[in-house]
Amino acid sequence: MRGGMGPEMRGGMAGGGSVADKVIRVGVDAMGGDYAPEAIVKGAIEAAGMMPADARIVLFGDEEAIRAAAGAARAARVATDSGDLFDIVPTTEVITMSDHPAQAFSKKPDSSLAVGFGYLKAGKIDGFASAGNTGAMLVGSMHSVRAIEGIIRPTISSHIPVAGGGTALLLDVGLNVDCKPDVLDQYGLMGSIYAERVLGIQRPRVALLNIGEEKEKGNLATKAAYEIMDGSPRYNFVGNVEGKHIFTGEVADVVVCDGFVGNIVLKQAESMYDIALRLGLPVDSEFFKGLNYEHIGGTPVLGVNAVVTVGHGRSTPLAARNMILQTERTIRSGFVAQIKGLLA
């Protein structure tokens, strides 16, 4: 039977939804990532100490390895000895970074990823996060909890820092490298709702990333997307923006593009932080921290029927902690339910 609990684990999984028992359950793949399970468990301990009392972390993975990592973290004084930190759902298999995403779930049904998505589909957890195989996470999102009815293509997005302080949103950042105009329009809608509900931005400004600000600029897809997005009653479209506007925060709060362009922008931004570190430049400002994947935590998958967060494969304890906290905040935001309501 799954879900066995030891003296430092609280509660059972029966009735697991957040509506009936008022508990937010954040599922975490303890075996995902280059430094798992130690980094993930350490991050989970730190996150548990920062989350409200009505939130609960559920770790999926090798129970013995999870307990050993938790014991090592306690010995290093990462947490107090108060116990009762999280639940464990034991699994016996791991989907590695080299596994084929589409085949992994059928070949490893008792993996931490497969079981985690099974719990998410059944409503036993309210969100699921992993720093493991990104392709497998996306396959799990599409084939387990599935896309929201009416969504043409789900997307992955990324928080980006802005020079004036705060955070904006960039999407897509790699899931769909080619996007039709109506898909970009839906990105604008989902990005707007996420920015408002999760990032706390009132009436977020949505812009289309282009090679010029004029409406006639761009390729066929962006020109057609502009015509659809312009004047949309569902979100606040402000027109085209150029690459120079992305990190200023002066023009837009949500920047929409296809996954080919977005992934290039994201990887370039991440590299600037690494370059600054190598050159010995000061990186302790909030802006530069926002370029560090450890502080961002993870990439939310937007457009599926549950909260799913994809963490960085090199996730450290800090990155794991922020991935879990980001997932918990997204669950509370009601983001998924609002999209469903708008598309019903």
Protein backbone atom coordinates (compact mmCIF):
# COMPACT_ATOMS: atom_id res chain seq x y z
CA MET A 1 0.00 0.00 0.00
CA ARG A 2 1.33 3.41 -0.91
CA GLY A 3 1.66 6.34 1.43
CA GLY A 4 3.19 4.64 4.45
CA MET A 5 4.09 7.23 7.08
CA GLY A 6 6.83 7.19 9.66
CA PRO A 7 7.13 9.17 12.90
CA GLU A 8 8.21 12.33 11.06
CA MET A 9 5.42 12.10 8.46
CA ARG A 10 1.93 13.33 9.16
CA GLY A 11 -1.46 12.40 7.83
CA GLY A 12 -2.72 9.95 5.23
CA MET A 13 -3.60 10.40 1.61
CA ALA A 14 -7.26 9.44 1.89
CA GLY A 15 -9.54 12.19 0.66
CA GLY A 16 -6.44 14.05 -0.55
CA GLY A 17 -8.15 17.02 -2.28
CA SER A 18 -7.80 20.53 -0.96
CA VAL A 19 -11.52 21.34 -1.04
CA ALA A 20 -12.81 18.81 1.46
CA ASP A 21 -10.10 18.99 4.12
CA LYS A 22 -8.80 22.51 3.47
CA VAL A 23 -5.24 21.23 3.03
CA ILE A 24 -3.15 22.22 0.01
CA ARG A 25 -1.12 19.18 -1.04
CA VAL A 26 2.00 19.94 -3.08
CA GLY A 27 3.39 16.84 -4.79
CA VAL A 28 7.13 16.76 -5.41
CA ASP A 29 9.24 14.28 -7.35
CA ALA A 30 12.03 13.61 -4.86
CA MET A 31 14.05 11.67 -7.43
CA GLY A 32 14.12 14.27 -10.20
CA GLY A 33 17.20 16.35 -10.96
CA ASP A 34 20.97 16.01 -11.05
CA TYR A 35 21.31 16.28 -7.27
CA ALA A 36 18.27 14.27 -6.21
CA PRO A 37 17.15 13.18 -3.73
CA GLU A 38 19.43 15.15 -1.39
CA ALA A 39 18.87 18.60 -2.92
CA ILE A 40 15.13 18.06 -3.37
CA VAL A 41 14.60 16.80 0.18
CA LYS A 42 16.68 19.61 1.65
CA GLY A 43 14.68 22.12 -0.40
CA ALA A 44 11.44 20.48 0.73
CA ILE A 45 12.45 20.83 4.38
CA GLU A 46 13.21 24.51 3.86
CA ALA A 47 9.93 25.04 1.96
CA ALA A 48 7.93 23.25 4.66
CA GLY A 49 9.19 25.76 7.19
CA MET A 50 8.05 28.67 5.01
CA MET A 51 4.61 27.49 3.90
CA PRO A 52 1.36 28.19 5.77
CA ALA A 53 0.03 25.57 8.17
CA ASP A 54 -2.68 24.49 5.73
CA ALA A 55 -0.10 23.36 3.11
CA ARG A 56 1.43 19.92 2.96
CA ILE A 57 4.33 18.55 0.90
CA VAL A 58 4.02 15.01 -0.50
CA LEU A 59 7.31 13.48 -1.68
CA PHE A 60 7.32 10.69 -4.29
CA GLY A 61 10.34 8.41 -4.49
CA ASP A 62 12.61 5.89 -2.81
CA GLU A 63 11.48 6.05 0.82
CA GLU A 64 14.78 4.86 2.27
CA ALA A 65 16.75 7.40 0.22
CA ILE A 66 14.32 10.20 1.16
CA ARG A 67 14.59 9.40 4.86
CA ALA A 68 18.38 9.23 4.65
CA ALA A 69 18.51 12.61 2.91
CA ALA A 70 16.16 14.09 5.50
CA GLY A 71 18.34 12.76 8.29
CA ALA A 72 21.48 14.20 6.71
CA ALA A 73 19.79 17.57 6.28
CA ARG A 74 18.75 17.60 9.93
CA ALA A 75 22.27 16.66 11.00
CA ALA A 76 23.49 19.67 9.04
CA ARG A 77 20.97 21.82 10.96
CA VAL A 78 18.92 22.66 7.91
CA ALA A 79 15.79 22.23 9.99
CA THR A 80 14.88 21.75 13.62
CA ASP A 81 14.00 18.36 15.03
CA SER A 82 10.31 19.20 15.23
CA GLY A 83 9.49 16.37 12.81
CA ASP A 84 6.17 16.02 10.98
CA LEU A 85 7.44 17.75 7.85
CA PHE A 86 5.98 15.90 4.86
CA ASP A 87 4.34 12.75 3.58
CA ILE A 88 6.13 10.08 1.56
CA VAL A 89 4.64 7.99 -1.24
CA PRO A 90 7.16 5.15 -1.83
CA THR A 91 8.10 4.31 -5.43
CA THR A 92 10.64 1.86 -6.81
CA GLU A 93 11.64 3.32 -10.19
CA VAL A 94 13.15 6.54 -11.54
CA ILE A 95 12.69 8.15 -14.96
CA THR A 96 16.16 9.43 -15.78
CA MET A 97 17.21 12.33 -17.96
CA SER A 98 18.21 9.91 -20.70
CA ASP A 99 14.91 8.00 -20.78
CA HIS A 100 12.62 8.52 -23.78
CA PRO A 101 9.83 10.83 -22.52
CA ALA A 102 6.98 9.17 -24.42
CA GLN A 103 8.01 5.62 -23.47
CA ALA A 104 9.09 6.22 -19.90
CA PHE A 105 5.64 6.09 -18.30
CA SER A 106 4.75 2.71 -19.79
CA LYS A 107 8.18 1.21 -19.10
CA LYS A 108 8.43 2.58 -15.55
CA PRO A 109 4.89 2.70 -14.12
CA ASP A 110 6.17 2.77 -10.52
CA SER A 111 8.48 5.71 -11.10
CA SER A 112 8.20 8.82 -8.96
CA LEU A 113 7.02 10.80 -12.00
CA ALA A 114 4.38 8.29 -13.13
CA VAL A 115 2.97 7.78 -9.64
CA GLY A 116 3.03 11.52 -8.97
CA PHE A 117 1.00 12.26 -12.07
CA GLY A 118 -1.36 9.45 -11.11
CA TYR A 119 -1.99 11.13 -7.76
CA LEU A 120 -2.46 14.47 -9.50
CA LYS A 121 -5.00 13.01 -11.91
CA ALA A 122 -6.89 11.38 -9.05
CA GLY A 123 -7.00 14.63 -7.08
CA LYS A 124 -4.91 13.26 -4.21
CA ILE A 125 -2.51 16.18 -4.63
CA ASP A 126 -3.28 19.69 -5.86
CA GLY A 127 -0.11 20.31 -7.85
CA PHE A 128 3.03 18.46 -8.90
CA ALA A 129 6.61 19.67 -9.32
CA SER A 130 9.75 17.99 -10.59
CA ALA A 131 13.28 18.92 -11.62
CA GLY A 132 13.54 15.66 -13.55
CA ASN A 133 13.14 14.76 -17.22
CA THR A 134 11.47 17.81 -18.80
CA GLY A 135 10.12 15.88 -21.75
CA ALA A 136 8.54 13.32 -19.43
CA MET A 137 6.97 16.11 -17.37
CA LEU A 138 5.37 17.55 -20.48
CA VAL A 139 4.19 14.11 -21.63
CA GLY A 140 2.71 13.51 -18.19
CA SER A 141 0.97 16.88 -18.27
CA MET A 142 -0.59 16.22 -21.67
CA HIS A 143 -1.53 12.56 -21.26
CA SER A 144 -2.37 12.43 -17.56
CA VAL A 145 -4.12 15.63 -16.50
CA ARG A 146 -4.55 16.72 -20.15
CA ALA A 147 -5.11 20.12 -21.71
CA ILE A 148 -8.00 22.29 -20.55
CA GLU A 149 -10.93 21.98 -22.93
CA GLY A 150 -10.67 24.79 -25.46
CA ILE A 151 -6.89 25.22 -25.13
CA ILE A 152 -5.23 24.53 -28.48
CA ARG A 153 -1.73 24.08 -27.11
CA PRO A 154 -0.53 24.35 -23.51
CA THR A 155 2.60 26.39 -22.96
CA ILE A 156 5.51 26.72 -20.57
CA SER A 157 6.32 30.17 -19.28
CA SER A 158 9.07 31.80 -17.28
CA HIS A 159 9.25 34.60 -14.74
CA ILE A 160 11.62 37.34 -15.85
CA PRO A 161 12.98 40.21 -13.73
CA VAL A 162 12.34 43.80 -14.76
CA ALA A 163 14.66 46.72 -14.15
CA GLY A 164 12.14 48.73 -12.15
CA GLY A 165 11.62 45.88 -9.71
CA GLY A 166 9.15 43.04 -9.78
CA THR A 167 8.55 40.24 -12.23
CA ALA A 168 7.08 39.85 -15.70
CA LEU A 169 6.14 36.73 -17.65
CA LEU A 170 7.55 35.34 -20.91
CA LEU A 171 5.75 32.61 -22.88
CA ASP A 172 6.23 30.26 -24.66
CA VAL A 173 9.79 29.38 -23.67
CA GLY A 174 10.25 26.10 -25.49
CA LEU A 175 7.22 23.84 -25.64
CA ASN A 176 5.87 24.87 -29.07
CA VAL A 177 8.54 26.12 -31.46
CA ASP A 178 5.99 26.96 -34.16
CA CYS A 179 2.76 28.73 -33.17
CA LYS A 180 -0.27 29.73 -35.18
CA PRO A 181 -1.84 33.15 -34.50
CA ASP A 182 -4.76 31.77 -32.48
CA VAL A 183 -2.31 29.92 -30.25
CA LEU A 184 -0.42 33.14 -29.55
CA ASP A 185 -3.75 34.77 -28.70
CA GLN A 186 -4.42 32.07 -26.10
CA TYR A 187 -0.94 32.59 -24.69
CA GLY A 188 -1.89 36.21 -24.17
CA LEU A 189 -5.01 35.17 -22.25
CA MET A 190 -3.27 32.57 -20.08
CA GLY A 191 -0.31 34.85 -19.45
CA SER A 192 -2.61 37.68 -18.42
CA ILE A 193 -4.52 35.51 -15.93
CA TYR A 194 -1.30 34.06 -14.49
CA ALA A 195 0.29 37.49 -14.13
CA GLU A 196 -2.76 38.78 -12.29
CA ARG A 197 -3.52 35.78 -10.09
CA VAL A 198 0.01 34.56 -9.29
CA LEU A 199 2.28 37.59 -9.79
CA GLY A 200 -0.25 40.05 -8.37
CA ILE A 201 -0.17 42.45 -11.34
CA GLN A 202 -3.42 44.35 -11.79
CA ARG A 203 -4.63 44.56 -15.38
CA PRO A 204 -1.36 43.21 -16.81
CA ARG A 205 -0.14 44.64 -20.10
CA VAL A 206 0.18 41.93 -22.75
CA ALA A 207 2.54 42.45 -25.68
CA LEU A 208 3.67 40.49 -28.73
CA LEU A 209 7.43 40.10 -29.17
CA ASN A 210 8.40 41.33 -32.62
CA ILE A 211 11.17 42.96 -34.66
CA GLY A 212 9.47 46.34 -34.49
CA GLU A 213 6.71 48.13 -32.61
CA GLU A 214 4.61 48.93 -35.67
CA LYS A 215 1.66 46.61 -36.25
CA GLU A 216 2.72 45.80 -39.80
CA LYS A 217 6.12 44.46 -38.67
CA GLY A 218 6.96 40.78 -38.32
CA ASN A 219 6.38 37.49 -40.09
CA LEU A 220 3.05 36.10 -41.22
CA ALA A 221 2.30 34.54 -37.84
CA THR A 222 2.95 37.67 -35.76
CA LYS A 223 1.11 39.93 -38.19
CA ALA A 224 -1.97 37.71 -38.06
CA ALA A 225 -1.65 37.33 -34.28
CA TYR A 226 -1.60 41.11 -33.89
CA GLU A 227 -4.91 41.38 -35.72
CA ILE A 228 -6.49 38.82 -33.38
CA MET A 229 -4.99 40.18 -30.16
CA ASP A 230 -5.59 43.86 -30.90
CA GLY A 231 -8.71 45.01 -29.13
CA SER A 232 -9.30 41.69 -27.41
CA PRO A 233 -11.84 42.12 -24.58
CA ARG A 234 -10.27 39.28 -22.61
CA TYR A 235 -6.94 40.94 -21.80
CA ASN A 236 -5.07 44.25 -22.03
CA PHE A 237 -3.13 44.07 -25.31
CA VAL A 238 -0.63 46.91 -25.75
CA GLY A 239 0.85 45.97 -29.13
CA ASN A 240 4.28 44.86 -30.29
CA VAL A 241 7.47 45.12 -28.25
CA GLU A 242 11.07 44.62 -29.28
CA GLY A 243 13.70 42.59 -27.47
CA LYS A 244 15.04 45.72 -25.78
CA HIS A 245 11.74 46.12 -23.92
CA ILE A 246 11.55 42.67 -22.33
CA PHE A 247 13.49 43.41 -19.15
CA THR A 248 12.60 47.08 -18.66
CA GLY A 249 9.06 46.56 -17.41
CA GLU A 250 8.13 49.89 -18.96
CA VAL A 251 5.91 48.56 -21.73
CA ALA A 252 4.64 45.08 -20.89
CA ASP A 253 4.03 42.66 -18.01
CA VAL A 254 3.41 39.64 -20.26
CA VAL A 255 5.51 39.05 -23.39
CA VAL A 256 4.13 36.55 -25.90
CA CYS A 257 6.18 34.68 -28.51
CA ASP A 258 6.61 31.21 -29.96
CA GLY A 259 8.74 28.67 -28.13
CA PHE A 260 11.64 28.92 -30.57
CA VAL A 261 12.18 32.62 -29.88
CA GLY A 262 11.25 32.41 -26.20
CA ASN A 263 13.73 29.65 -25.45
CA ILE A 264 16.54 31.65 -27.06
CA VAL A 265 15.63 34.70 -24.98
CA LEU A 266 15.44 32.67 -21.77
CA LYS A 267 18.77 30.87 -22.29
CA GLN A 268 20.47 34.14 -23.16
CA ALA A 269 19.11 35.76 -20.00
CA GLU A 270 20.27 32.87 -17.82
CA SER A 271 23.73 33.04 -19.37
CA MET A 272 24.08 36.72 -18.40
CA TYR A 273 23.92 35.75 -14.73
CA ASP A 274 26.56 33.05 -15.20
CA ILE A 275 28.81 35.45 -17.13
CA ALA A 276 28.47 38.08 -14.41
CA LEU A 277 29.50 35.51 -11.79
CA ARG A 278 32.56 34.46 -13.80
CA LEU A 279 33.62 38.07 -14.26
CA GLY A 280 33.21 38.83 -10.58
CA LEU A 281 30.51 41.41 -11.19
CA PRO A 282 28.04 42.17 -8.36
CA VAL A 283 24.96 39.96 -8.72
CA ASP A 284 23.25 40.55 -5.38
CA SER A 285 20.64 42.94 -6.81
CA GLU A 286 17.06 41.73 -7.13
CA PHE A 287 17.30 42.06 -10.91
CA PHE A 288 20.29 39.73 -11.24
CA LYS A 289 18.77 37.33 -8.72
CA GLY A 290 15.80 37.13 -11.07
CA LEU A 291 18.11 35.86 -13.82
CA ASN A 292 19.29 33.01 -11.58
CA TYR A 293 17.19 29.86 -12.05
CA GLU A 294 17.63 29.06 -8.36
CA HIS A 295 15.53 32.06 -7.37
CA ILE A 296 12.92 31.51 -10.08
CA GLY A 297 12.28 27.95 -8.94
CA GLY A 298 10.55 26.47 -11.95
CA THR A 299 8.60 26.87 -15.15
CA PRO A 300 4.81 26.55 -14.86
CA VAL A 301 2.94 24.57 -17.50
CA LEU A 302 -0.09 26.68 -18.48
CA GLY A 303 -3.19 25.31 -20.14
CA VAL A 304 -3.49 21.89 -18.46
CA ASN A 305 -6.10 20.77 -15.92
CA ALA A 306 -3.82 20.98 -12.88
CA VAL A 307 -0.85 22.90 -11.54
CA VAL A 308 2.41 21.47 -12.92
CA THR A 309 5.85 23.03 -12.37
CA VAL A 310 8.98 22.00 -14.26
CA GLY A 311 12.18 22.68 -12.32
CA HIS A 312 15.72 23.08 -13.62
CA GLY A 313 17.65 19.82 -14.02
CA ARG A 314 20.53 21.29 -11.99
CA SER A 315 18.23 22.29 -9.13
CA THR A 316 20.02 23.00 -5.87
CA PRO A 317 18.21 23.02 -2.50
CA LEU A 318 17.47 26.72 -3.03
CA ALA A 319 15.99 26.03 -6.47
CA ALA A 320 13.97 23.09 -5.13
CA ARG A 321 12.62 25.20 -2.28
CA ASN A 322 11.51 27.95 -4.64
CA MET A 323 10.03 25.42 -7.08
CA ILE A 324 7.86 24.04 -4.28
CA LEU A 325 6.86 27.47 -2.98
CA GLN A 326 5.99 28.62 -6.50
CA THR A 327 3.80 25.55 -6.99
CA GLU A 328 1.99 26.19 -3.71
CA ARG A 329 1.31 29.82 -4.64
CA THR A 330 0.00 28.82 -8.07
CA ILE A 331 -2.37 26.28 -6.50
CA ARG A 332 -3.79 28.94 -4.18
CA SER A 333 -4.24 31.43 -7.02
CA GLY A 334 -7.09 29.48 -8.61
CA PHE A 335 -5.42 30.06 -11.97
CA VAL A 336 -6.55 26.79 -13.54
CA ALA A 337 -10.18 27.26 -12.49
CA GLN A 338 -10.28 30.79 -13.91
CA ILE A 339 -9.03 29.65 -17.33
CA LYS A 340 -11.62 26.86 -17.34
CA GLY A 341 -14.33 29.38 -16.51
CA LEU A 342 -13.33 31.73 -19.30
CA LEU A 343 -13.22 28.95 -21.88
CA ALA A 344 -16.36 27.11 -20.74
